[in-house]
Amino acid sequence: MVFPPVSAVIATRNRPEMLKNALQAVCQQTYQGSIECIVVFDRTDIDDSIVSENPQRAVRAVTNTRSPGLAGARNSGIIASNGEFVAFCDDDDIWHPTKIEKQIEQMGSAIASATGVVIDYAGKQSVRIPSRDTITLQQVVRHRRMEAHPSSVLVRRAALTGELGMIDEALPGSFAEDYDFMIRLLQAGHVSIVEEALVTIRWGQSLFAKDWATIVRAIDYLIAKHEIFSKDRRALARLYGQRGFAEAAMGNRSRALRDVWRTVRLYPLEKRTSVTLPVVLGLISPERVMHWANERGRGI
């Protein structure tokens, strides 16, 4: 069997202990081929102590030379990579030992591969297993599908530097850059699915989880960018439902109610209206709603 070289890209900013754990998990992969790990330091000094010259598990440290933020950092890592395949890992996530091995075994002619995840929030774990039926363009556009997480994705480098393209750095705050990327990935070709949870995702560490204004701008950007949303009322309703919740969290009552009305007109059963209205009325805090959703392994 041929073992093509793999590059793992970890974008990081001021989380050294989490980075150490993520790096260890990459270096302990059972995959018999080489894995180079490229750690991209975003708006922070490089830590040269992590560098390793091990030919099978080399670790390189580079600076984000593109736009500040997650998207630019990931693209800096892609550009610096040498592997035939590129995999992403957030610095607060942990790959399980057989992740890369099983993805390469099953890859075939697919443009990319994704696995299931274990979502860990405040000590509670939720397992999300993808399937060929759930990771389709329509399903991801309509439901986002948290099991299609960037830390589970392995993609051909030639696609990233070619027709597919890299991570969209124009997205405000890099919010939902993974969602945008998965939509483009599914439009570009077949994605192989490993129906096992091979990554642990630690929720609650996001650097922009409460940056509501950025979230609103990013949702507007996604709606304008992807024509497919205008063709799926339920998908568009979900985005306006998210937008309305963000406006409510900022105390923008009239804007939140406008988005609730948009949502109901598009898809009356969209569940985000039921959590947005109590926030608008001051009956519950947005933080409490977020905590409740995260405990169940589901975002707003």
C-alpha atoms as a PDB file:
ATOM      1  CA  MET A   1       0.000   0.000   0.000  1.00  0.00           C
ATOM      2  CA  VAL A   2       1.192   3.526  -0.811  1.00  0.00           C
ATOM      3  CA  PHE A   3       1.295   5.984   2.098  1.00  0.00           C
ATOM      4  CA  PRO A   4       1.110   9.523   0.668  1.00  0.00           C
ATOM      5  CA  PRO A   5       2.570  12.328   2.797  1.00  0.00           C
ATOM      6  CA  VAL A   6       0.079  14.315   4.866  1.00  0.00           C
ATOM      7  CA  SER A   7       0.337  17.859   6.196  1.00  0.00           C
ATOM      8  CA  ALA A   8      -1.562  18.787   9.363  1.00  0.00           C
ATOM      9  CA  VAL A   9      -2.281  22.501   9.755  1.00  0.00           C
ATOM     10  CA  ILE A  10      -2.906  23.848  13.262  1.00  0.00           C
ATOM     11  CA  ALA A  11      -3.714  27.539  13.620  1.00  0.00           C
ATOM     12  CA  THR A  12      -3.084  28.811  17.153  1.00  0.00           C
ATOM     13  CA  ARG A  13      -3.158  31.925  19.275  1.00  0.00           C
ATOM     14  CA  ASN A  14      -2.127  32.089  22.919  1.00  0.00           C
ATOM     15  CA  ARG A  15      -3.267  28.586  23.933  1.00  0.00           C
ATOM     16  CA  PRO A  16       0.023  26.751  24.556  1.00  0.00           C
ATOM     17  CA  GLU A  17      -1.322  23.907  26.704  1.00  0.00           C
ATOM     18  CA  MET A  18      -4.125  23.077  24.285  1.00  0.00           C
ATOM     19  CA  LEU A  19      -1.686  23.298  21.390  1.00  0.00           C
ATOM     20  CA  LYS A  20       0.617  20.830  23.147  1.00  0.00           C
ATOM     21  CA  ASN A  21      -2.215  18.293  23.426  1.00  0.00           C
ATOM     22  CA  ALA A  22      -3.274  18.776  19.807  1.00  0.00           C
ATOM     23  CA  LEU A  23       0.312  18.340  18.597  1.00  0.00           C
ATOM     24  CA  GLN A  24       0.795  15.188  20.636  1.00  0.00           C
ATOM     25  CA  ALA A  25      -2.322  13.643  19.092  1.00  0.00           C
ATOM     26  CA  VAL A  26      -1.088  14.441  15.572  1.00  0.00           C
ATOM     27  CA  CYS A  27       2.345  12.967  16.232  1.00  0.00           C
ATOM     28  CA  GLN A  28       0.862   9.791  17.738  1.00  0.00           C
ATOM     29  CA  GLN A  29      -1.191   8.884  14.660  1.00  0.00           C
ATOM     30  CA  THR A  30      -0.978   5.203  13.674  1.00  0.00           C
ATOM     31  CA  TYR A  31      -0.658   6.159   9.996  1.00  0.00           C
ATOM     32  CA  GLN A  32       2.505   4.609   8.546  1.00  0.00           C
ATOM     33  CA  GLY A  33       3.200   7.466   6.160  1.00  0.00           C
ATOM     34  CA  SER A  34       4.791  10.765   7.069  1.00  0.00           C
ATOM     35  CA  ILE A  35       2.802  13.559   8.696  1.00  0.00           C
ATOM     36  CA  GLU A  36       4.289  17.032   8.875  1.00  0.00           C
ATOM     37  CA  CYS A  37       2.577  19.327  11.340  1.00  0.00           C
ATOM     38  CA  ILE A  38       2.573  23.014  10.464  1.00  0.00           C
ATOM     39  CA  VAL A  39       1.691  25.200  13.424  1.00  0.00           C
ATOM     40  CA  VAL A  40       0.658  28.683  12.330  1.00  0.00           C
ATOM     41  CA  PHE A  41       0.994  31.366  14.999  1.00  0.00           C
ATOM     42  CA  ASP A  42      -1.644  34.033  14.448  1.00  0.00           C
ATOM     43  CA  ARG A  43      -0.927  37.487  15.922  1.00  0.00           C
ATOM     44  CA  THR A  44       1.417  36.007  18.514  1.00  0.00           C
ATOM     45  CA  ASP A  45       5.104  35.133  18.785  1.00  0.00           C
ATOM     46  CA  ILE A  46       6.349  31.810  17.439  1.00  0.00           C
ATOM     47  CA  ASP A  47       7.255  29.175  20.014  1.00  0.00           C
ATOM     48  CA  ASP A  48      10.312  27.450  18.524  1.00  0.00           C
ATOM     49  CA  SER A  49      10.349  24.850  21.317  1.00  0.00           C
ATOM     50  CA  ILE A  50       7.685  22.847  19.492  1.00  0.00           C
ATOM     51  CA  VAL A  51       9.806  22.319  16.362  1.00  0.00           C
ATOM     52  CA  SER A  52      10.826  18.743  15.547  1.00  0.00           C
ATOM     53  CA  GLU A  53      12.989  17.373  12.722  1.00  0.00           C
ATOM     54  CA  ASN A  54      11.582  13.838  12.971  1.00  0.00           C
ATOM     55  CA  PRO A  55      11.175  12.892   9.275  1.00  0.00           C
ATOM     56  CA  GLN A  56       8.002  10.898   9.974  1.00  0.00           C
ATOM     57  CA  ARG A  57       6.431  13.445  12.303  1.00  0.00           C
ATOM     58  CA  ALA A  58       8.122  16.775  11.614  1.00  0.00           C
ATOM     59  CA  VAL A  59       6.762  19.866  13.370  1.00  0.00           C
ATOM     60  CA  ARG A  60       7.261  23.289  11.803  1.00  0.00           C
ATOM     61  CA  ALA A  61       6.341  26.661  13.271  1.00  0.00           C
ATOM     62  CA  VAL A  62       5.408  29.535  10.955  1.00  0.00           C
ATOM     63  CA  THR A  63       3.790  32.955  11.200  1.00  0.00           C
ATOM     64  CA  ASN A  64       0.447  33.874   9.676  1.00  0.00           C
ATOM     65  CA  THR A  65       1.560  36.035   6.752  1.00  0.00           C
ATOM     66  CA  ARG A  66      -1.935  36.591   5.405  1.00  0.00           C
ATOM     67  CA  SER A  67      -5.004  38.305   6.876  1.00  0.00           C
ATOM     68  CA  PRO A  68      -5.237  38.114  10.680  1.00  0.00           C
ATOM     69  CA  GLY A  69      -7.571  35.408  11.932  1.00  0.00           C
ATOM     70  CA  LEU A  70      -8.351  31.748  11.455  1.00  0.00           C
ATOM     71  CA  ALA A  71      -8.905  31.843   7.682  1.00  0.00           C
ATOM     72  CA  GLY A  72      -5.619  33.598   6.958  1.00  0.00           C
ATOM     73  CA  ALA A  73      -3.760  31.337   9.383  1.00  0.00           C
ATOM     74  CA  ARG A  74      -5.103  28.191   7.751  1.00  0.00           C
ATOM     75  CA  ASN A  75      -4.167  29.511   4.327  1.00  0.00           C
ATOM     76  CA  SER A  76      -0.645  30.314   5.540  1.00  0.00           C
ATOM     77  CA  GLY A  77      -0.398  26.692   6.636  1.00  0.00           C
ATOM     78  CA  ILE A  78      -1.684  25.391   3.293  1.00  0.00           C
ATOM     79  CA  ILE A  79       0.890  27.472   1.415  1.00  0.00           C
ATOM     80  CA  ALA A  80       3.694  26.214   3.682  1.00  0.00           C
ATOM     81  CA  SER A  81       2.610  22.570   3.386  1.00  0.00           C
ATOM     82  CA  ASN A  82       4.295  19.881   1.299  1.00  0.00           C
ATOM     83  CA  GLY A  83       1.955  16.922   1.737  1.00  0.00           C
ATOM     84  CA  GLU A  84      -0.223  15.395  -0.944  1.00  0.00           C
ATOM     85  CA  PHE A  85      -3.101  15.739   1.519  1.00  0.00           C
ATOM     86  CA  VAL A  86      -3.836  18.541   3.981  1.00  0.00           C
ATOM     87  CA  ALA A  87      -5.723  18.036   7.230  1.00  0.00           C
ATOM     88  CA  PHE A  88      -6.868  20.716   9.643  1.00  0.00           C
ATOM     89  CA  CYS A  89      -6.924  20.599  13.422  1.00  0.00           C
ATOM     90  CA  ASP A  90      -8.032  23.412  15.706  1.00  0.00           C
ATOM     91  CA  ASP A  91      -5.608  23.933  18.581  1.00  0.00           C
ATOM     92  CA  ASP A  92      -8.284  22.961  21.119  1.00  0.00           C
ATOM     93  CA  ASP A  93      -9.229  19.703  19.377  1.00  0.00           C
ATOM     94  CA  ILE A  94      -7.793  16.187  19.608  1.00  0.00           C
ATOM     95  CA  TRP A  95      -7.402  13.664  16.794  1.00  0.00           C
ATOM     96  CA  HIS A  96      -7.962  10.032  17.755  1.00  0.00           C
ATOM     97  CA  PRO A  97      -4.986   7.758  16.904  1.00  0.00           C
ATOM     98  CA  THR A  98      -6.411   6.051  13.789  1.00  0.00           C
ATOM     99  CA  LYS A  99      -7.937   9.154  12.154  1.00  0.00           C
ATOM    100  CA  ILE A 100      -5.520   9.684   9.265  1.00  0.00           C
ATOM    101  CA  GLU A 101      -4.929   5.967   8.722  1.00  0.00           C
ATOM    102  CA  LYS A 102      -8.632   5.259   8.232  1.00  0.00           C
ATOM    103  CA  GLN A 103      -9.193   8.317   6.053  1.00  0.00           C
ATOM    104  CA  ILE A 104      -6.362   7.451   3.662  1.00  0.00           C
ATOM    105  CA  GLU A 105      -7.512   3.815   3.493  1.00  0.00           C
ATOM    106  CA  GLN A 106     -10.983   4.909   2.416  1.00  0.00           C
ATOM    107  CA  MET A 107     -10.128   7.970   0.317  1.00  0.00           C
ATOM    108  CA  GLY A 108     -10.113   6.407  -3.145  1.00  0.00           C
ATOM    109  CA  SER A 109     -10.653   9.087  -5.788  1.00  0.00           C
ATOM    110  CA  ALA A 110     -12.579  11.446  -3.472  1.00  0.00           C
ATOM    111  CA  ILE A 111     -11.577  15.081  -3.236  1.00  0.00           C
ATOM    112  CA  ALA A 112     -11.704  14.930   0.559  1.00  0.00           C
ATOM    113  CA  SER A 113     -12.639  12.858   3.587  1.00  0.00           C
ATOM    114  CA  ALA A 114     -14.553  13.652   6.783  1.00  0.00           C
ATOM    115  CA  THR A 115     -15.086  11.693   9.990  1.00  0.00           C
ATOM    116  CA  GLY A 116     -17.428  11.834  12.953  1.00  0.00           C
ATOM    117  CA  VAL A 117     -16.680  13.839  16.091  1.00  0.00           C
ATOM    118  CA  VAL A 118     -17.124  13.728  19.845  1.00  0.00           C
ATOM    119  CA  ILE A 119     -18.290  17.127  21.132  1.00  0.00           C
ATOM    120  CA  ASP A 120     -17.006  17.810  24.643  1.00  0.00           C
ATOM    121  CA  TYR A 121     -18.651  20.689  26.499  1.00  0.00           C
ATOM    122  CA  ALA A 122     -18.270  21.245  30.241  1.00  0.00           C
ATOM    123  CA  GLY A 123     -17.519  17.559  30.757  1.00  0.00           C
ATOM    124  CA  LYS A 124     -20.542  16.363  28.797  1.00  0.00           C
ATOM    125  CA  GLN A 125     -19.962  14.510  25.545  1.00  0.00           C
ATOM    126  CA  SER A 126     -22.132  14.153  22.448  1.00  0.00           C
ATOM    127  CA  VAL A 127     -21.217  11.904  19.536  1.00  0.00           C
ATOM    128  CA  ARG A 128     -21.950  13.019  15.970  1.00  0.00           C
ATOM    129  CA  ILE A 129     -21.500  10.383  13.263  1.00  0.00           C
ATOM    130  CA  PRO A 130     -21.808  11.460   9.613  1.00  0.00           C
ATOM    131  CA  SER A 131     -23.127   9.287   6.806  1.00  0.00           C
ATOM    132  CA  ARG A 132     -23.367   9.502   3.036  1.00  0.00           C
ATOM    133  CA  ASP A 133     -26.983  10.597   3.511  1.00  0.00           C
ATOM    134  CA  THR A 134     -26.236  13.442   5.941  1.00  0.00           C
ATOM    135  CA  ILE A 135     -23.100  14.896   4.348  1.00  0.00           C
ATOM    136  CA  THR A 136     -24.657  15.980   1.086  1.00  0.00           C
ATOM    137  CA  LEU A 137     -24.789  19.494  -0.320  1.00  0.00           C
ATOM    138  CA  GLN A 138     -28.487  19.918   0.475  1.00  0.00           C
ATOM    139  CA  GLN A 139     -28.165  18.548   4.013  1.00  0.00           C
ATOM    140  CA  VAL A 140     -25.127  20.683   4.875  1.00  0.00           C
ATOM    141  CA  VAL A 141     -26.659  23.832   3.382  1.00  0.00           C
ATOM    142  CA  ARG A 142     -29.952  23.250   5.196  1.00  0.00           C
ATOM    143  CA  HIS A 143     -28.724  21.962   8.566  1.00  0.00           C
ATOM    144  CA  ARG A 144     -24.993  22.837   8.625  1.00  0.00           C
ATOM    145  CA  ARG A 145     -24.262  19.431  10.216  1.00  0.00           C
ATOM    146  CA  MET A 146     -21.826  19.821  13.125  1.00  0.00           C
ATOM    147  CA  GLU A 147     -20.341  16.382  12.383  1.00  0.00           C
ATOM    148  CA  ALA A 148     -18.794  17.946   9.253  1.00  0.00           C
ATOM    149  CA  HIS A 149     -16.207  19.749  11.364  1.00  0.00           C
ATOM    150  CA  PRO A 150     -12.966  21.229   9.935  1.00  0.00           C
ATOM    151  CA  SER A 151     -10.841  19.250  12.397  1.00  0.00           C
ATOM    152  CA  SER A 152     -12.141  16.046  10.805  1.00  0.00           C
ATOM    153  CA  VAL A 153     -11.468  17.071   7.184  1.00  0.00           C
ATOM    154  CA  LEU A 154      -8.651  15.684   5.030  1.00  0.00           C
ATOM    155  CA  VAL A 155      -8.427  17.227   1.544  1.00  0.00           C
ATOM    156  CA  ARG A 156      -6.198  16.919  -1.505  1.00  0.00           C
ATOM    157  CA  ARG A 157      -3.689  19.763  -1.571  1.00  0.00           C
ATOM    158  CA  ALA A 158      -4.034  20.034  -5.352  1.00  0.00           C
ATOM    159  CA  ALA A 159      -7.697  20.928  -4.882  1.00  0.00           C
ATOM    160  CA  LEU A 160      -6.871  23.643  -2.343  1.00  0.00           C
ATOM    161  CA  THR A 161      -4.343  25.260  -4.652  1.00  0.00           C
ATOM    162  CA  GLY A 162      -6.534  24.676  -7.706  1.00  0.00           C
ATOM    163  CA  GLU A 163     -10.214  24.915  -8.576  1.00  0.00           C
ATOM    164  CA  LEU A 164     -11.600  24.470  -5.034  1.00  0.00           C
ATOM    165  CA  GLY A 165      -9.492  27.241  -3.584  1.00  0.00           C
ATOM    166  CA  MET A 166      -8.381  27.910  -0.041  1.00  0.00           C
ATOM    167  CA  ILE A 167     -10.236  29.301   2.969  1.00  0.00           C
ATOM    168  CA  ASP A 168     -12.256  32.464   2.308  1.00  0.00           C
ATOM    169  CA  GLU A 169     -10.452  35.293   4.108  1.00  0.00           C
ATOM    170  CA  ALA A 170     -13.172  37.813   3.263  1.00  0.00           C
ATOM    171  CA  LEU A 171     -15.602  36.268   5.766  1.00  0.00           C
ATOM    172  CA  PRO A 172     -15.992  38.732   8.666  1.00  0.00           C
ATOM    173  CA  GLY A 173     -14.021  37.505  11.657  1.00  0.00           C
ATOM    174  CA  SER A 174     -13.485  34.147   9.907  1.00  0.00           C
ATOM    175  CA  PHE A 175     -16.886  33.216  11.358  1.00  0.00           C
ATOM    176  CA  ALA A 176     -18.363  30.131   9.618  1.00  0.00           C
ATOM    177  CA  GLU A 177     -15.336  29.819   7.329  1.00  0.00           C
ATOM    178  CA  ASP A 178     -15.634  26.069   7.869  1.00  0.00           C
ATOM    179  CA  TYR A 179     -19.283  26.107   6.773  1.00  0.00           C
ATOM    180  CA  ASP A 180     -18.423  28.074   3.644  1.00  0.00           C
ATOM    181  CA  PHE A 181     -15.548  25.698   2.912  1.00  0.00           C
ATOM    182  CA  MET A 182     -17.710  22.582   3.314  1.00  0.00           C
ATOM    183  CA  ILE A 183     -20.331  23.983   0.931  1.00  0.00           C
ATOM    184  CA  ARG A 184     -17.664  24.631  -1.689  1.00  0.00           C
ATOM    185  CA  LEU A 185     -16.096  21.237  -1.059  1.00  0.00           C
ATOM    186  CA  LEU A 186     -19.356  19.399  -1.675  1.00  0.00           C
ATOM    187  CA  GLN A 187     -19.934  21.436  -4.819  1.00  0.00           C
ATOM    188  CA  ALA A 188     -16.451  20.537  -6.094  1.00  0.00           C
ATOM    189  CA  GLY A 189     -16.575  16.741  -5.819  1.00  0.00           C
ATOM    190  CA  HIS A 190     -17.162  13.552  -3.846  1.00  0.00           C
ATOM    191  CA  VAL A 191     -16.351  13.586  -0.121  1.00  0.00           C
ATOM    192  CA  SER A 192     -15.525  10.221   1.453  1.00  0.00           C
ATOM    193  CA  ILE A 193     -17.130   9.596   4.849  1.00  0.00           C
ATOM    194  CA  VAL A 194     -15.568   7.559   7.665  1.00  0.00           C
ATOM    195  CA  GLU A 195     -18.537   6.709   9.856  1.00  0.00           C
ATOM    196  CA  GLU A 196     -16.645   6.826  13.145  1.00  0.00           C
ATOM    197  CA  ALA A 197     -16.021   9.561  15.711  1.00  0.00           C
ATOM    198  CA  LEU A 198     -12.288  10.151  15.268  1.00  0.00           C
ATOM    199  CA  VAL A 199     -11.901  13.695  16.634  1.00  0.00           C
ATOM    200  CA  THR A 200     -12.756  15.202  19.994  1.00  0.00           C
ATOM    201  CA  ILE A 201     -14.033  18.761  19.660  1.00  0.00           C
ATOM    202  CA  ARG A 202     -13.798  20.895  22.789  1.00  0.00           C
ATOM    203  CA  TRP A 203     -16.568  23.488  22.731  1.00  0.00           C
ATOM    204  CA  GLY A 204     -16.598  26.652  24.793  1.00  0.00           C
ATOM    205  CA  GLN A 205     -13.145  27.801  23.656  1.00  0.00           C
ATOM    206  CA  SER A 206     -14.195  29.891  20.641  1.00  0.00           C
ATOM    207  CA  LEU A 207     -12.581  33.323  20.486  1.00  0.00           C
ATOM    208  CA  PHE A 208     -15.639  34.916  18.832  1.00  0.00           C
ATOM    209  CA  ALA A 209     -18.572  32.955  20.266  1.00  0.00           C
ATOM    210  CA  LYS A 210     -20.182  36.142  21.609  1.00  0.00           C
ATOM    211  CA  ASP A 211     -19.059  38.585  18.932  1.00  0.00           C
ATOM    212  CA  TRP A 212     -22.630  38.995  17.773  1.00  0.00           C
ATOM    213  CA  ALA A 213     -22.007  41.926  15.398  1.00  0.00           C
ATOM    214  CA  THR A 214     -19.386  39.927  13.507  1.00  0.00           C
ATOM    215  CA  ILE A 215     -21.742  36.956  13.333  1.00  0.00           C
ATOM    216  CA  VAL A 216     -24.452  39.133  11.768  1.00  0.00           C
ATOM    217  CA  ARG A 217     -22.028  40.466   9.133  1.00  0.00           C
ATOM    218  CA  ALA A 218     -20.801  36.955   8.362  1.00  0.00           C
ATOM    219  CA  ILE A 219     -24.336  35.618   7.886  1.00  0.00           C
ATOM    220  CA  ASP A 220     -25.122  38.471   5.503  1.00  0.00           C
ATOM    221  CA  TYR A 221     -21.924  37.672   3.602  1.00  0.00           C
ATOM    222  CA  LEU A 222     -22.817  33.976   3.282  1.00  0.00           C
ATOM    223  CA  ILE A 223     -26.333  34.726   2.030  1.00  0.00           C
ATOM    224  CA  ALA A 224     -24.946  37.094  -0.599  1.00  0.00           C
ATOM    225  CA  LYS A 225     -22.142  34.731  -1.635  1.00  0.00           C
ATOM    226  CA  HIS A 226     -23.998  31.448  -2.040  1.00  0.00           C
ATOM    227  CA  GLU A 227     -26.909  31.504  -4.469  1.00  0.00           C
ATOM    228  CA  ILE A 228     -27.938  28.085  -3.179  1.00  0.00           C
ATOM    229  CA  PHE A 229     -29.457  29.691  -0.042  1.00  0.00           C
ATOM    230  CA  SER A 230     -31.947  31.669  -2.112  1.00  0.00           C
ATOM    231  CA  LYS A 231     -33.110  28.382  -3.637  1.00  0.00           C
ATOM    232  CA  ASP A 232     -33.771  26.633  -0.313  1.00  0.00           C
ATOM    233  CA  ARG A 233     -36.274  28.414   1.924  1.00  0.00           C
ATOM    234  CA  ARG A 234     -35.541  26.193   4.901  1.00  0.00           C
ATOM    235  CA  ALA A 235     -31.793  26.827   4.683  1.00  0.00           C
ATOM    236  CA  LEU A 236     -32.344  30.566   4.401  1.00  0.00           C
ATOM    237  CA  ALA A 237     -34.738  30.460   7.361  1.00  0.00           C
ATOM    238  CA  ARG A 238     -32.055  28.839   9.503  1.00  0.00           C
ATOM    239  CA  LEU A 239     -29.601  31.630   8.698  1.00  0.00           C
ATOM    240  CA  TYR A 240     -32.143  34.361   9.431  1.00  0.00           C
ATOM    241  CA  GLY A 241     -32.998  32.509  12.629  1.00  0.00           C
ATOM    242  CA  GLN A 242     -29.342  32.690  13.662  1.00  0.00           C
ATOM    243  CA  ARG A 243     -29.163  36.310  12.619  1.00  0.00           C
ATOM    244  CA  GLY A 244     -32.239  37.151  14.676  1.00  0.00           C
ATOM    245  CA  PHE A 245     -30.776  35.497  17.759  1.00  0.00           C
ATOM    246  CA  ALA A 246     -27.558  37.509  17.364  1.00  0.00           C
ATOM    247  CA  GLU A 247     -29.530  40.746  17.035  1.00  0.00           C
ATOM    248  CA  ALA A 248     -31.539  39.833  20.134  1.00  0.00           C
ATOM    249  CA  ALA A 249     -28.328  39.090  22.038  1.00  0.00           C
ATOM    250  CA  MET A 250     -27.121  42.619  21.200  1.00  0.00           C
ATOM    251  CA  GLY A 251     -30.403  44.100  22.416  1.00  0.00           C
ATOM    252  CA  ASN A 252     -31.526  45.132  18.939  1.00  0.00           C
ATOM    253  CA  ARG A 253     -35.198  44.363  19.515  1.00  0.00           C
ATOM    254  CA  SER A 254     -36.657  45.683  16.242  1.00  0.00           C
ATOM    255  CA  ARG A 255     -33.981  44.039  14.084  1.00  0.00           C
ATOM    256  CA  ALA A 256     -34.381  40.743  15.910  1.00  0.00           C
ATOM    257  CA  LEU A 257     -38.156  40.793  15.410  1.00  0.00           C
ATOM    258  CA  ARG A 258     -37.691  41.601  11.728  1.00  0.00           C
ATOM    259  CA  ASP A 259     -35.475  38.520  11.350  1.00  0.00           C
ATOM    260  CA  VAL A 260     -37.965  36.396  13.297  1.00  0.00           C
ATOM    261  CA  TRP A 261     -40.681  37.499  10.859  1.00  0.00           C
ATOM    262  CA  ARG A 262     -38.436  36.681   7.889  1.00  0.00           C
ATOM    263  CA  THR A 263     -37.734  33.275   9.382  1.00  0.00           C
ATOM    264  CA  VAL A 264     -41.385  32.428  10.005  1.00  0.00           C
ATOM    265  CA  ARG A 265     -42.360  33.469   6.483  1.00  0.00           C
ATOM    266  CA  LEU A 266     -39.667  31.238   4.984  1.00  0.00           C
ATOM    267  CA  TYR A 267     -40.145  28.203   7.233  1.00  0.00           C
ATOM    268  CA  PRO A 268     -42.628  28.426  10.124  1.00  0.00           C
ATOM    269  CA  LEU A 269     -41.155  25.400  11.919  1.00  0.00           C
ATOM    270  CA  GLU A 270     -37.638  26.872  12.243  1.00  0.00           C
ATOM    271  CA  LYS A 271     -36.839  26.241  15.913  1.00  0.00           C
ATOM    272  CA  ARG A 272     -34.584  29.273  16.448  1.00  0.00           C
ATOM    273  CA  THR A 273     -37.613  31.553  16.636  1.00  0.00           C
ATOM    274  CA  SER A 274     -38.670  29.788  19.837  1.00  0.00           C
ATOM    275  CA  VAL A 275     -35.412  30.726  21.586  1.00  0.00           C
ATOM    276  CA  THR A 276     -35.038  34.198  20.057  1.00  0.00           C
ATOM    277  CA  LEU A 277     -38.394  35.600  21.202  1.00  0.00           C
ATOM    278  CA  PRO A 278     -37.754  34.911  24.929  1.00  0.00           C
ATOM    279  CA  VAL A 279     -34.389  36.706  24.590  1.00  0.00           C
ATOM    280  CA  VAL A 280     -36.085  39.683  22.888  1.00  0.00           C
ATOM    281  CA  LEU A 281     -38.640  39.821  25.725  1.00  0.00           C
ATOM    282  CA  GLY A 282     -35.907  39.608  28.380  1.00  0.00           C
ATOM    283  CA  LEU A 283     -37.236  36.327  29.767  1.00  0.00           C
ATOM    284  CA  ILE A 284     -33.899  34.546  29.383  1.00  0.00           C
ATOM    285  CA  SER A 285     -30.334  35.597  28.664  1.00  0.00           C
ATOM    286  CA  PRO A 286     -28.598  34.684  25.382  1.00  0.00           C
ATOM    287  CA  GLU A 287     -25.788  33.129  27.430  1.00  0.00           C
ATOM    288  CA  ARG A 288     -28.230  30.751  29.082  1.00  0.00           C
ATOM    289  CA  VAL A 289     -29.639  29.700  25.720  1.00  0.00           C
ATOM    290  CA  MET A 290     -26.143  29.124  24.351  1.00  0.00           C
ATOM    291  CA  HIS A 291     -25.195  27.056  27.394  1.00  0.00           C
ATOM    292  CA  TRP A 292     -28.334  24.952  27.027  1.00  0.00           C
ATOM    293  CA  ALA A 293     -27.634  24.331  23.314  1.00  0.00           C
ATOM    294  CA  ASN A 294     -23.943  23.550  23.878  1.00  0.00           C
ATOM    295  CA  GLU A 295     -24.762  21.029  26.608  1.00  0.00           C
ATOM    296  CA  ARG A 296     -26.675  19.081  23.965  1.00  0.00           C
ATOM    297  CA  GLY A 297     -23.875  19.306  21.458  1.00  0.00           C
ATOM    298  CA  ARG A 298     -25.781  21.710  19.226  1.00  0.00           C
ATOM    299  CA  GLY A 299     -25.046  25.319  18.420  1.00  0.00           C
ATOM    300  CA  ILE A 300     -27.522  28.113  17.803  1.00  0.00           C
END
